[in-house]
Amino acid sequence: MKTYLAFGLLIMTAVAAMAAPQTLTAPIRTRAVRKPAPPPPIYRENVQGVVPRAVRGGNPLQMLNPRAPAKYGTWVESTSFDPDIPGKWKGIKLFEIFF
């Protein structure tokens, strides 16, 4: 008797599942379109020397200060050296252009 009851319940659930209409369409959702990240900016400093460094630095008087922070640079960056005599300076680089 128990087997007939279990079988009957199984049949009733199968018929109920078949009788319910099934939809085969997916719900419509709007997806947020992801924009690609912009490429990183390319900064090339083609011009160096005392004058461009003073303009970029913001405070040109700090270039004369021996205790200035490292962001203002050192005297070696703005000095041209004599290739024949090591350690002998030859002049000051006002503008230095790289190609």
PDB file of N, CA and C in Angstrom:
ATOM      1  N   MET A   1       0.807  -1.175   0.000  1.00  0.00           N
ATOM      2  CA  MET A   1       0.000   0.000   0.000  1.00  0.00           C
ATOM      3  C   MET A   1       0.862   1.254   0.000  1.00  0.00           C
ATOM      4  N   LYS A   2       1.959   1.207   0.765  1.00  0.00           N
ATOM      5  CA  LYS A   2       2.833   2.367   0.808  1.00  0.00           C
ATOM      6  C   LYS A   2       3.478   2.604  -0.553  1.00  0.00           C
ATOM      7  N   THR A   3       3.766   1.562  -1.262  1.00  0.00           N
ATOM      8  CA  THR A   3       4.399   1.740  -2.569  1.00  0.00           C
ATOM      9  C   THR A   3       3.448   2.410  -3.538  1.00  0.00           C
ATOM     10  N   TYR A   4       2.148   2.071  -3.460  1.00  0.00           N
ATOM     11  CA  TYR A   4       1.165   2.735  -4.337  1.00  0.00           C
ATOM     12  C   TYR A   4       1.047   4.220  -4.007  1.00  0.00           C
ATOM     13  N   LEU A   5       1.100   4.538  -2.707  1.00  0.00           N
ATOM     14  CA  LEU A   5       1.019   5.937  -2.300  1.00  0.00           C
ATOM     15  C   LEU A   5       2.242   6.710  -2.784  1.00  0.00           C
ATOM     16  N   ALA A   6       3.424   6.158  -2.647  1.00  0.00           N
ATOM     17  CA  ALA A   6       4.648   6.820  -3.085  1.00  0.00           C
ATOM     18  C   ALA A   6       4.647   6.964  -4.602  1.00  0.00           C
ATOM     19  N   PHE A   7       4.204   5.934  -5.307  1.00  0.00           N
ATOM     20  CA  PHE A   7       4.128   5.982  -6.767  1.00  0.00           C
ATOM     21  C   PHE A   7       3.106   7.011  -7.220  1.00  0.00           C
ATOM     22  N   GLY A   8       2.014   7.099  -6.539  1.00  0.00           N
ATOM     23  CA  GLY A   8       0.968   8.071  -6.867  1.00  0.00           C
ATOM     24  C   GLY A   8       1.454   9.506  -6.659  1.00  0.00           C
ATOM     25  N   LEU A   9       2.162   9.751  -5.574  1.00  0.00           N
ATOM     26  CA  LEU A   9       2.715  11.087  -5.339  1.00  0.00           C
ATOM     27  C   LEU A   9       3.747  11.452  -6.406  1.00  0.00           C
ATOM     28  N   LEU A  10       4.532  10.502  -6.810  1.00  0.00           N
ATOM     29  CA  LEU A  10       5.522  10.728  -7.855  1.00  0.00           C
ATOM     30  C   LEU A  10       4.855  11.079  -9.176  1.00  0.00           C
ATOM     31  N   ILE A  11       3.801  10.391  -9.517  1.00  0.00           N
ATOM     32  CA  ILE A  11       3.057  10.660 -10.760  1.00  0.00           C
ATOM     33  C   ILE A  11       2.404  12.029 -10.689  1.00  0.00           C
ATOM     34  N   MET A  12       1.836  12.380  -9.536  1.00  0.00           N
ATOM     35  CA  MET A  12       1.165  13.674  -9.419  1.00  0.00           C
ATOM     36  C   MET A  12       2.156  14.833  -9.539  1.00  0.00           C
ATOM     37  N   THR A  13       3.331  14.699  -8.986  1.00  0.00           N
ATOM     38  CA  THR A  13       4.313  15.776  -9.122  1.00  0.00           C
ATOM     39  C   THR A  13       4.833  15.870 -10.546  1.00  0.00           C
ATOM     40  N   ALA A  14       4.944  14.741 -11.237  1.00  0.00           N
ATOM     41  CA  ALA A  14       5.391  14.765 -12.625  1.00  0.00           C
ATOM     42  C   ALA A  14       4.351  15.419 -13.522  1.00  0.00           C
ATOM     43  N   VAL A  15       3.064  15.116 -13.286  1.00  0.00           N
ATOM     44  CA  VAL A  15       1.992  15.720 -14.079  1.00  0.00           C
ATOM     45  C   VAL A  15       1.896  17.215 -13.783  1.00  0.00           C
ATOM     46  N   ALA A  16       2.085  17.605 -12.536  1.00  0.00           N
ATOM     47  CA  ALA A  16       2.013  19.019 -12.178  1.00  0.00           C
ATOM     48  C   ALA A  16       3.170  19.792 -12.805  1.00  0.00           C
ATOM     49  N   ALA A  17       4.325  19.169 -12.888  1.00  0.00           N
ATOM     50  CA  ALA A  17       5.476  19.833 -13.495  1.00  0.00           C
ATOM     51  C   ALA A  17       5.295  19.967 -15.002  1.00  0.00           C
ATOM     52  N   MET A  18       4.658  19.012 -15.626  1.00  0.00           N
ATOM     53  CA  MET A  18       4.434  19.074 -17.072  1.00  0.00           C
ATOM     54  C   MET A  18       3.327  20.051 -17.407  1.00  0.00           C
ATOM     55  N   ALA A  19       2.385  20.231 -16.510  1.00  0.00           N
ATOM     56  CA  ALA A  19       1.261  21.108 -16.785  1.00  0.00           C
ATOM     57  C   ALA A  19       1.655  22.581 -16.667  1.00  0.00           C
ATOM     58  N   ALA A  20       2.655  22.905 -15.880  1.00  0.00           N
ATOM     59  CA  ALA A  20       3.082  24.296 -15.726  1.00  0.00           C
ATOM     60  C   ALA A  20       3.821  24.728 -16.995  1.00  0.00           C
ATOM     61  N   PRO A  21       3.459  25.866 -17.535  1.00  0.00           N
ATOM     62  CA  PRO A  21       4.137  26.318 -18.752  1.00  0.00           C
ATOM     63  C   PRO A  21       5.570  26.742 -18.434  1.00  0.00           C
ATOM     64  N   GLN A  22       6.467  26.351 -19.306  1.00  0.00           N
ATOM     65  CA  GLN A  22       7.858  26.720 -19.148  1.00  0.00           C
ATOM     66  C   GLN A  22       8.199  27.785 -20.177  1.00  0.00           C
ATOM     67  N   THR A  23       8.904  28.762 -19.724  1.00  0.00           N
ATOM     68  CA  THR A  23       9.367  29.782 -20.669  1.00  0.00           C
ATOM     69  C   THR A  23      10.828  29.507 -20.984  1.00  0.00           C
ATOM     70  N   LEU A  24      11.149  29.613 -22.245  1.00  0.00           N
ATOM     71  CA  LEU A  24      12.515  29.348 -22.671  1.00  0.00           C
ATOM     72  C   LEU A  24      13.245  30.637 -23.027  1.00  0.00           C
ATOM     73  N   THR A  25      12.724  31.742 -22.569  1.00  0.00           N
ATOM     74  CA  THR A  25      13.390  33.012 -22.828  1.00  0.00           C
ATOM     75  C   THR A  25      14.067  33.486 -21.555  1.00  0.00           C
ATOM     76  N   ALA A  26      15.201  34.072 -21.732  1.00  0.00           N
ATOM     77  CA  ALA A  26      15.947  34.583 -20.589  1.00  0.00           C
ATOM     78  C   ALA A  26      15.425  35.959 -20.212  1.00  0.00           C
ATOM     79  N   PRO A  27      15.484  36.304 -18.974  1.00  0.00           N
ATOM     80  CA  PRO A  27      15.047  37.646 -18.584  1.00  0.00           C
ATOM     81  C   PRO A  27      15.988  38.699 -19.182  1.00  0.00           C
ATOM     82  N   ILE A  28      15.412  39.812 -19.569  1.00  0.00           N
ATOM     83  CA  ILE A  28      16.200  40.864 -20.211  1.00  0.00           C
ATOM     84  C   ILE A  28      16.782  41.763 -19.131  1.00  0.00           C
ATOM     85  N   ARG A  29      18.092  41.912 -19.174  1.00  0.00           N
ATOM     86  CA  ARG A  29      18.791  42.796 -18.251  1.00  0.00           C
ATOM     87  C   ARG A  29      19.672  43.720 -19.063  1.00  0.00           C
ATOM     88  N   THR A  30      19.719  44.943 -18.661  1.00  0.00           N
ATOM     89  CA  THR A  30      20.629  45.866 -19.335  1.00  0.00           C
ATOM     90  C   THR A  30      21.990  45.747 -18.679  1.00  0.00           C
ATOM     91  N   ARG A  31      22.955  45.523 -19.484  1.00  0.00           N
ATOM     92  CA  ARG A  31      24.316  45.401 -18.987  1.00  0.00           C
ATOM     93  C   ARG A  31      25.028  46.739 -19.140  1.00  0.00           C
ATOM     94  N   ALA A  32      25.784  47.074 -18.153  1.00  0.00           N
ATOM     95  CA  ALA A  32      26.573  48.299 -18.225  1.00  0.00           C
ATOM     96  C   ALA A  32      27.763  48.047 -19.148  1.00  0.00           C
ATOM     97  N   VAL A  33      27.912  48.895 -20.125  1.00  0.00           N
ATOM     98  CA  VAL A  33      29.002  48.748 -21.076  1.00  0.00           C
ATOM     99  C   VAL A  33      30.277  49.294 -20.433  1.00  0.00           C
ATOM    100  N   ARG A  34      31.275  48.455 -20.363  1.00  0.00           N
ATOM    101  CA  ARG A  34      32.544  48.880 -19.793  1.00  0.00           C
ATOM    102  C   ARG A  34      33.388  49.534 -20.859  1.00  0.00           C
ATOM    103  N   LYS A  35      33.790  50.735 -20.596  1.00  0.00           N
ATOM    104  CA  LYS A  35      34.668  51.435 -21.532  1.00  0.00           C
ATOM    105  C   LYS A  35      36.100  50.981 -21.281  1.00  0.00           C
ATOM    106  N   PRO A  36      36.858  50.796 -22.330  1.00  0.00           N
ATOM    107  CA  PRO A  36      38.247  50.410 -22.106  1.00  0.00           C
ATOM    108  C   PRO A  36      39.021  51.564 -21.455  1.00  0.00           C
ATOM    109  N   ALA A  37      39.949  51.195 -20.636  1.00  0.00           N
ATOM    110  CA  ALA A  37      40.737  52.210 -19.943  1.00  0.00           C
ATOM    111  C   ALA A  37      41.604  52.959 -20.952  1.00  0.00           C
ATOM    112  N   PRO A  38      41.711  54.262 -20.811  1.00  0.00           N
ATOM    113  CA  PRO A  38      42.544  55.007 -21.746  1.00  0.00           C
ATOM    114  C   PRO A  38      44.012  54.641 -21.548  1.00  0.00           C
ATOM    115  N   PRO A  39      44.786  54.701 -22.598  1.00  0.00           N
ATOM    116  CA  PRO A  39      46.199  54.353 -22.451  1.00  0.00           C
ATOM    117  C   PRO A  39      46.902  55.365 -21.556  1.00  0.00           C
ATOM    118  N   PRO A  40      47.939  54.937 -20.862  1.00  0.00           N
ATOM    119  CA  PRO A  40      48.630  55.863 -19.973  1.00  0.00           C
ATOM    120  C   PRO A  40      49.328  56.953 -20.790  1.00  0.00           C
ATOM    121  N   PRO A  41      49.386  58.151 -20.250  1.00  0.00           N
ATOM    122  CA  PRO A  41      50.037  59.224 -20.997  1.00  0.00           C
ATOM    123  C   PRO A  41      51.533  58.995 -21.107  1.00  0.00           C
ATOM    124  N   ILE A  42      52.073  59.419 -22.196  1.00  0.00           N
ATOM    125  CA  ILE A  42      53.504  59.257 -22.446  1.00  0.00           C
ATOM    126  C   ILE A  42      54.154  60.631 -22.287  1.00  0.00           C
ATOM    127  N   TYR A  43      55.039  60.713 -21.343  1.00  0.00           N
ATOM    128  CA  TYR A  43      55.753  61.958 -21.123  1.00  0.00           C
ATOM    129  C   TYR A  43      57.222  61.739 -21.471  1.00  0.00           C
ATOM    130  N   ARG A  44      57.683  62.486 -22.408  1.00  0.00           N
ATOM    131  CA  ARG A  44      59.096  62.434 -22.749  1.00  0.00           C
ATOM    132  C   ARG A  44      59.666  63.829 -22.577  1.00  0.00           C
ATOM    133  N   GLU A  45      60.691  63.922 -21.816  1.00  0.00           N
ATOM    134  CA  GLU A  45      61.351  65.195 -21.624  1.00  0.00           C
ATOM    135  C   GLU A  45      62.489  65.273 -22.636  1.00  0.00           C
ATOM    136  N   ASN A  46      62.236  65.893 -23.771  1.00  0.00           N
ATOM    137  CA  ASN A  46      63.252  66.032 -24.800  1.00  0.00           C
ATOM    138  C   ASN A  46      64.188  67.193 -24.526  1.00  0.00           C
ATOM    139  N   VAL A  47      63.779  68.101 -23.670  1.00  0.00           N
ATOM    140  CA  VAL A  47      64.586  69.277 -23.375  1.00  0.00           C
ATOM    141  C   VAL A  47      64.970  69.251 -21.908  1.00  0.00           C
ATOM    142  N   GLN A  48      66.247  69.393 -21.657  1.00  0.00           N
ATOM    143  CA  GLN A  48      66.750  69.481 -20.295  1.00  0.00           C
ATOM    144  C   GLN A  48      67.673  70.681 -20.205  1.00  0.00           C
ATOM    145  N   GLY A  49      68.114  70.973 -19.037  1.00  0.00           N
ATOM    146  CA  GLY A  49      69.007  72.089 -18.812  1.00  0.00           C
ATOM    147  C   GLY A  49      68.512  72.934 -17.663  1.00  0.00           C
ATOM    148  N   VAL A  50      69.191  74.072 -17.458  1.00  0.00           N
ATOM    149  CA  VAL A  50      68.878  74.924 -16.323  1.00  0.00           C
ATOM    150  C   VAL A  50      67.534  75.628 -16.508  1.00  0.00           C
ATOM    151  N   VAL A  51      67.317  76.225 -17.666  1.00  0.00           N
ATOM    152  CA  VAL A  51      66.101  77.011 -17.883  1.00  0.00           C
ATOM    153  C   VAL A  51      64.841  76.133 -17.859  1.00  0.00           C
ATOM    154  N   PRO A  52      64.773  75.006 -18.608  1.00  0.00           N
ATOM    155  CA  PRO A  52      63.557  74.177 -18.522  1.00  0.00           C
ATOM    156  C   PRO A  52      63.324  73.596 -17.128  1.00  0.00           C
ATOM    157  N   ARG A  53      64.420  73.261 -16.438  1.00  0.00           N
ATOM    158  CA  ARG A  53      64.271  72.722 -15.089  1.00  0.00           C
ATOM    159  C   ARG A  53      63.746  73.781 -14.128  1.00  0.00           C
ATOM    160  N   ALA A  54      64.143  75.038 -14.322  1.00  0.00           N
ATOM    161  CA  ALA A  54      63.640  76.123 -13.474  1.00  0.00           C
ATOM    162  C   ALA A  54      62.163  76.367 -13.735  1.00  0.00           C
ATOM    163  N   VAL A  55      61.742  76.239 -14.995  1.00  0.00           N
ATOM    164  CA  VAL A  55      60.333  76.443 -15.322  1.00  0.00           C
ATOM    165  C   VAL A  55      59.486  75.299 -14.780  1.00  0.00           C
ATOM    166  N   ARG A  56      59.950  74.067 -14.915  1.00  0.00           N
ATOM    167  CA  ARG A  56      59.197  72.903 -14.431  1.00  0.00           C
ATOM    168  C   ARG A  56      59.178  72.812 -12.919  1.00  0.00           C
ATOM    169  N   GLY A  57      60.261  73.224 -12.269  1.00  0.00           N
ATOM    170  CA  GLY A  57      60.388  73.048 -10.825  1.00  0.00           C
ATOM    171  C   GLY A  57      59.454  73.909 -10.012  1.00  0.00           C
ATOM    172  N   GLY A  58      59.109  75.067 -10.516  1.00  0.00           N
ATOM    173  CA  GLY A  58      58.186  75.919  -9.781  1.00  0.00           C
ATOM    174  C   GLY A  58      58.876  76.984  -8.956  1.00  0.00           C
ATOM    175  N   ASN A  59      60.015  76.701  -8.358  1.00  0.00           N
ATOM    176  CA  ASN A  59      60.748  77.677  -7.554  1.00  0.00           C
ATOM    177  C   ASN A  59      62.200  77.668  -8.018  1.00  0.00           C
ATOM    178  N   PRO A  60      62.565  78.556  -8.967  1.00  0.00           N
ATOM    179  CA  PRO A  60      63.925  78.515  -9.512  1.00  0.00           C
ATOM    180  C   PRO A  60      64.998  78.911  -8.503  1.00  0.00           C
ATOM    181  N   LEU A  61      64.651  79.619  -7.429  1.00  0.00           N
ATOM    182  CA  LEU A  61      65.657  79.980  -6.436  1.00  0.00           C
ATOM    183  C   LEU A  61      66.157  78.761  -5.655  1.00  0.00           C
ATOM    184  N   GLN A  62      65.369  77.705  -5.623  1.00  0.00           N
ATOM    185  CA  GLN A  62      65.802  76.486  -4.936  1.00  0.00           C
ATOM    186  C   GLN A  62      66.963  75.819  -5.661  1.00  0.00           C
ATOM    187  N   MET A  63      67.162  76.148  -6.925  1.00  0.00           N
ATOM    188  CA  MET A  63      68.293  75.568  -7.657  1.00  0.00           C
ATOM    189  C   MET A  63      69.621  76.113  -7.128  1.00  0.00           C
ATOM    190  N   LEU A  64      69.618  77.266  -6.483  1.00  0.00           N
ATOM    191  CA  LEU A  64      70.825  77.848  -5.903  1.00  0.00           C
ATOM    192  C   LEU A  64      71.044  77.409  -4.458  1.00  0.00           C
ATOM    193  N   ASN A  65      70.033  76.829  -3.860  1.00  0.00           N
ATOM    194  CA  ASN A  65      70.099  76.410  -2.468  1.00  0.00           C
ATOM    195  C   ASN A  65      70.831  75.073  -2.360  1.00  0.00           C
ATOM    196  N   PRO A  66      71.939  74.991  -1.616  1.00  0.00           N
ATOM    197  CA  PRO A  66      72.644  73.704  -1.496  1.00  0.00           C
ATOM    198  C   PRO A  66      71.875  72.676  -0.664  1.00  0.00           C
ATOM    199  N   ARG A  67      70.924  73.115   0.153  1.00  0.00           N
ATOM    200  CA  ARG A  67      70.141  72.187   0.966  1.00  0.00           C
ATOM    201  C   ARG A  67      68.732  71.996   0.417  1.00  0.00           C
ATOM    202  N   ALA A  68      68.560  72.205  -0.859  1.00  0.00           N
ATOM    203  CA  ALA A  68      67.250  72.058  -1.494  1.00  0.00           C
ATOM    204  C   ALA A  68      66.860  70.579  -1.559  1.00  0.00           C
ATOM    205  N   PRO A  69      65.571  70.277  -1.621  1.00  0.00           N
ATOM    206  CA  PRO A  69      65.138  68.876  -1.757  1.00  0.00           C
ATOM    207  C   PRO A  69      65.633  68.263  -3.071  1.00  0.00           C
ATOM    208  N   ALA A  70      65.607  66.946  -3.129  1.00  0.00           N
ATOM    209  CA  ALA A  70      66.150  66.221  -4.286  1.00  0.00           C
ATOM    210  C   ALA A  70      65.358  66.468  -5.560  1.00  0.00           C
ATOM    211  N   LYS A  71      64.100  66.889  -5.456  1.00  0.00           N
ATOM    212  CA  LYS A  71      63.303  67.084  -6.671  1.00  0.00           C
ATOM    213  C   LYS A  71      63.815  68.239  -7.516  1.00  0.00           C
ATOM    214  N   TYR A  72      64.634  69.120  -6.952  1.00  0.00           N
ATOM    215  CA  TYR A  72      65.196  70.228  -7.720  1.00  0.00           C
ATOM    216  C   TYR A  72      66.481  69.835  -8.444  1.00  0.00           C
ATOM    217  N   GLY A  73      67.019  68.672  -8.191  1.00  0.00           N
ATOM    218  CA  GLY A  73      68.189  68.182  -8.911  1.00  0.00           C
ATOM    219  C   GLY A  73      69.490  68.625  -8.268  1.00  0.00           C
ATOM    220  N   THR A  74      70.592  68.175  -8.873  1.00  0.00           N
ATOM    221  CA  THR A  74      71.920  68.499  -8.378  1.00  0.00           C
ATOM    222  C   THR A  74      72.663  69.332  -9.412  1.00  0.00           C
ATOM    223  N   TRP A  75      73.825  69.824  -9.043  1.00  0.00           N
ATOM    224  CA  TRP A  75      74.608  70.645  -9.956  1.00  0.00           C
ATOM    225  C   TRP A  75      75.198  69.818 -11.086  1.00  0.00           C
ATOM    226  N   VAL A  76      75.353  68.530 -10.888  1.00  0.00           N
ATOM    227  CA  VAL A  76      75.965  67.660 -11.907  1.00  0.00           C
ATOM    228  C   VAL A  76      75.068  67.554 -13.140  1.00  0.00           C
ATOM    229  N   GLU A  77      73.747  67.626 -12.950  1.00  0.00           N
ATOM    230  CA  GLU A  77      72.821  67.517 -14.076  1.00  0.00           C
ATOM    231  C   GLU A  77      72.905  68.708 -15.011  1.00  0.00           C
ATOM    232  N   SER A  78      73.330  69.852 -14.525  1.00  0.00           N
ATOM    233  CA  SER A  78      73.337  71.074 -15.325  1.00  0.00           C
ATOM    234  C   SER A  78      74.735  71.506 -15.745  1.00  0.00           C
ATOM    235  N   THR A  79      75.731  70.694 -15.518  1.00  0.00           N
ATOM    236  CA  THR A  79      77.109  71.060 -15.825  1.00  0.00           C
ATOM    237  C   THR A  79      77.635  70.176 -16.940  1.00  0.00           C
ATOM    238  N   SER A  80      78.335  70.783 -17.902  1.00  0.00           N
ATOM    239  CA  SER A  80      79.015  70.004 -18.938  1.00  0.00           C
ATOM    240  C   SER A  80      80.479  69.860 -18.531  1.00  0.00           C
ATOM    241  N   PHE A  81      81.016  68.694 -18.768  1.00  0.00           N
ATOM    242  CA  PHE A  81      82.381  68.388 -18.344  1.00  0.00           C
ATOM    243  C   PHE A  81      83.294  68.272 -19.558  1.00  0.00           C
ATOM    244  N   ASP A  82      84.565  68.548 -19.332  1.00  0.00           N
ATOM    245  CA  ASP A  82      85.581  68.449 -20.379  1.00  0.00           C
ATOM    246  C   ASP A  82      85.959  66.981 -20.554  1.00  0.00           C
ATOM    247  N   PRO A  83      85.825  66.428 -21.779  1.00  0.00           N
ATOM    248  CA  PRO A  83      86.132  64.999 -21.947  1.00  0.00           C
ATOM    249  C   PRO A  83      87.629  64.697 -21.853  1.00  0.00           C
ATOM    250  N   ASP A  84      88.490  65.684 -22.091  1.00  0.00           N
ATOM    251  CA  ASP A  84      89.936  65.432 -22.049  1.00  0.00           C
ATOM    252  C   ASP A  84      90.478  65.417 -20.624  1.00  0.00           C
ATOM    253  N   ILE A  85      89.919  66.237 -19.766  1.00  0.00           N
ATOM    254  CA  ILE A  85      90.382  66.329 -18.383  1.00  0.00           C
ATOM    255  C   ILE A  85      89.243  65.849 -17.489  1.00  0.00           C
ATOM    256  N   PRO A  86      89.350  64.656 -16.897  1.00  0.00           N
ATOM    257  CA  PRO A  86      88.258  64.142 -16.062  1.00  0.00           C
ATOM    258  C   PRO A  86      88.042  65.000 -14.819  1.00  0.00           C
ATOM    259  N   GLY A  87      86.768  65.291 -14.527  1.00  0.00           N
ATOM    260  CA  GLY A  87      86.410  66.053 -13.348  1.00  0.00           C
ATOM    261  C   GLY A  87      86.432  67.554 -13.552  1.00  0.00           C
ATOM    262  N   LYS A  88      86.938  68.040 -14.680  1.00  0.00           N
ATOM    263  CA  LYS A  88      86.986  69.482 -14.944  1.00  0.00           C
ATOM    264  C   LYS A  88      85.702  69.890 -15.634  1.00  0.00           C
ATOM    265  N   TRP A  89      85.010  70.880 -15.060  1.00  0.00           N
ATOM    266  CA  TRP A  89      83.779  71.343 -15.675  1.00  0.00           C
ATOM    267  C   TRP A  89      84.108  72.331 -16.770  1.00  0.00           C
ATOM    268  N   LYS A  90      83.235  72.370 -17.760  1.00  0.00           N
ATOM    269  CA  LYS A  90      83.479  73.204 -18.931  1.00  0.00           C
ATOM    270  C   LYS A  90      82.454  74.325 -19.051  1.00  0.00           C
ATOM    271  N   GLY A  91      81.232  74.094 -18.600  1.00  0.00           N
ATOM    272  CA  GLY A  91      80.211  75.114 -18.721  1.00  0.00           C
ATOM    273  C   GLY A  91      78.905  74.674 -18.112  1.00  0.00           C
ATOM    274  N   ILE A  92      77.902  75.545 -18.238  1.00  0.00           N
ATOM    275  CA  ILE A  92      76.567  75.272 -17.711  1.00  0.00           C
ATOM    276  C   ILE A  92      75.643  75.005 -18.884  1.00  0.00           C
ATOM    277  N   LYS A  93      74.851  73.976 -18.791  1.00  0.00           N
ATOM    278  CA  LYS A  93      73.888  73.623 -19.842  1.00  0.00           C
ATOM    279  C   LYS A  93      72.618  74.436 -19.635  1.00  0.00           C
ATOM    280  N   LEU A  94      72.439  75.480 -20.422  1.00  0.00           N
ATOM    281  CA  LEU A  94      71.209  76.255 -20.319  1.00  0.00           C
ATOM    282  C   LEU A  94      70.052  75.493 -20.960  1.00  0.00           C
ATOM    283  N   PHE A  95      70.253  74.975 -22.174  1.00  0.00           N
ATOM    284  CA  PHE A  95      69.286  74.128 -22.883  1.00  0.00           C
ATOM    285  C   PHE A  95      70.026  72.917 -23.401  1.00  0.00           C
ATOM    286  N   GLU A  96      69.464  71.754 -23.193  1.00  0.00           N
ATOM    287  CA  GLU A  96      70.027  70.508 -23.696  1.00  0.00           C
ATOM    288  C   GLU A  96      68.907  69.781 -24.425  1.00  0.00           C
ATOM    289  N   ILE A  97      69.058  69.557 -25.716  1.00  0.00           N
ATOM    290  CA  ILE A  97      68.003  68.963 -26.539  1.00  0.00           C
ATOM    291  C   ILE A  97      68.440  67.553 -26.960  1.00  0.00           C
ATOM    292  N   PHE A  98      67.581  66.583 -26.726  1.00  0.00           N
ATOM    293  CA  PHE A  98      67.832  65.189 -27.108  1.00  0.00           C
ATOM    294  C   PHE A  98      67.013  64.856 -28.354  1.00  0.00           C
ATOM    295  N   PHE A  99      67.608  64.099 -29.239  1.00  0.00           N
ATOM    296  CA  PHE A  99      66.921  63.656 -30.450  1.00  0.00           C
ATOM    297  C   PHE A  99      66.699  62.175 -30.426  1.00  0.00           C
TER     298      PHE A  99
END
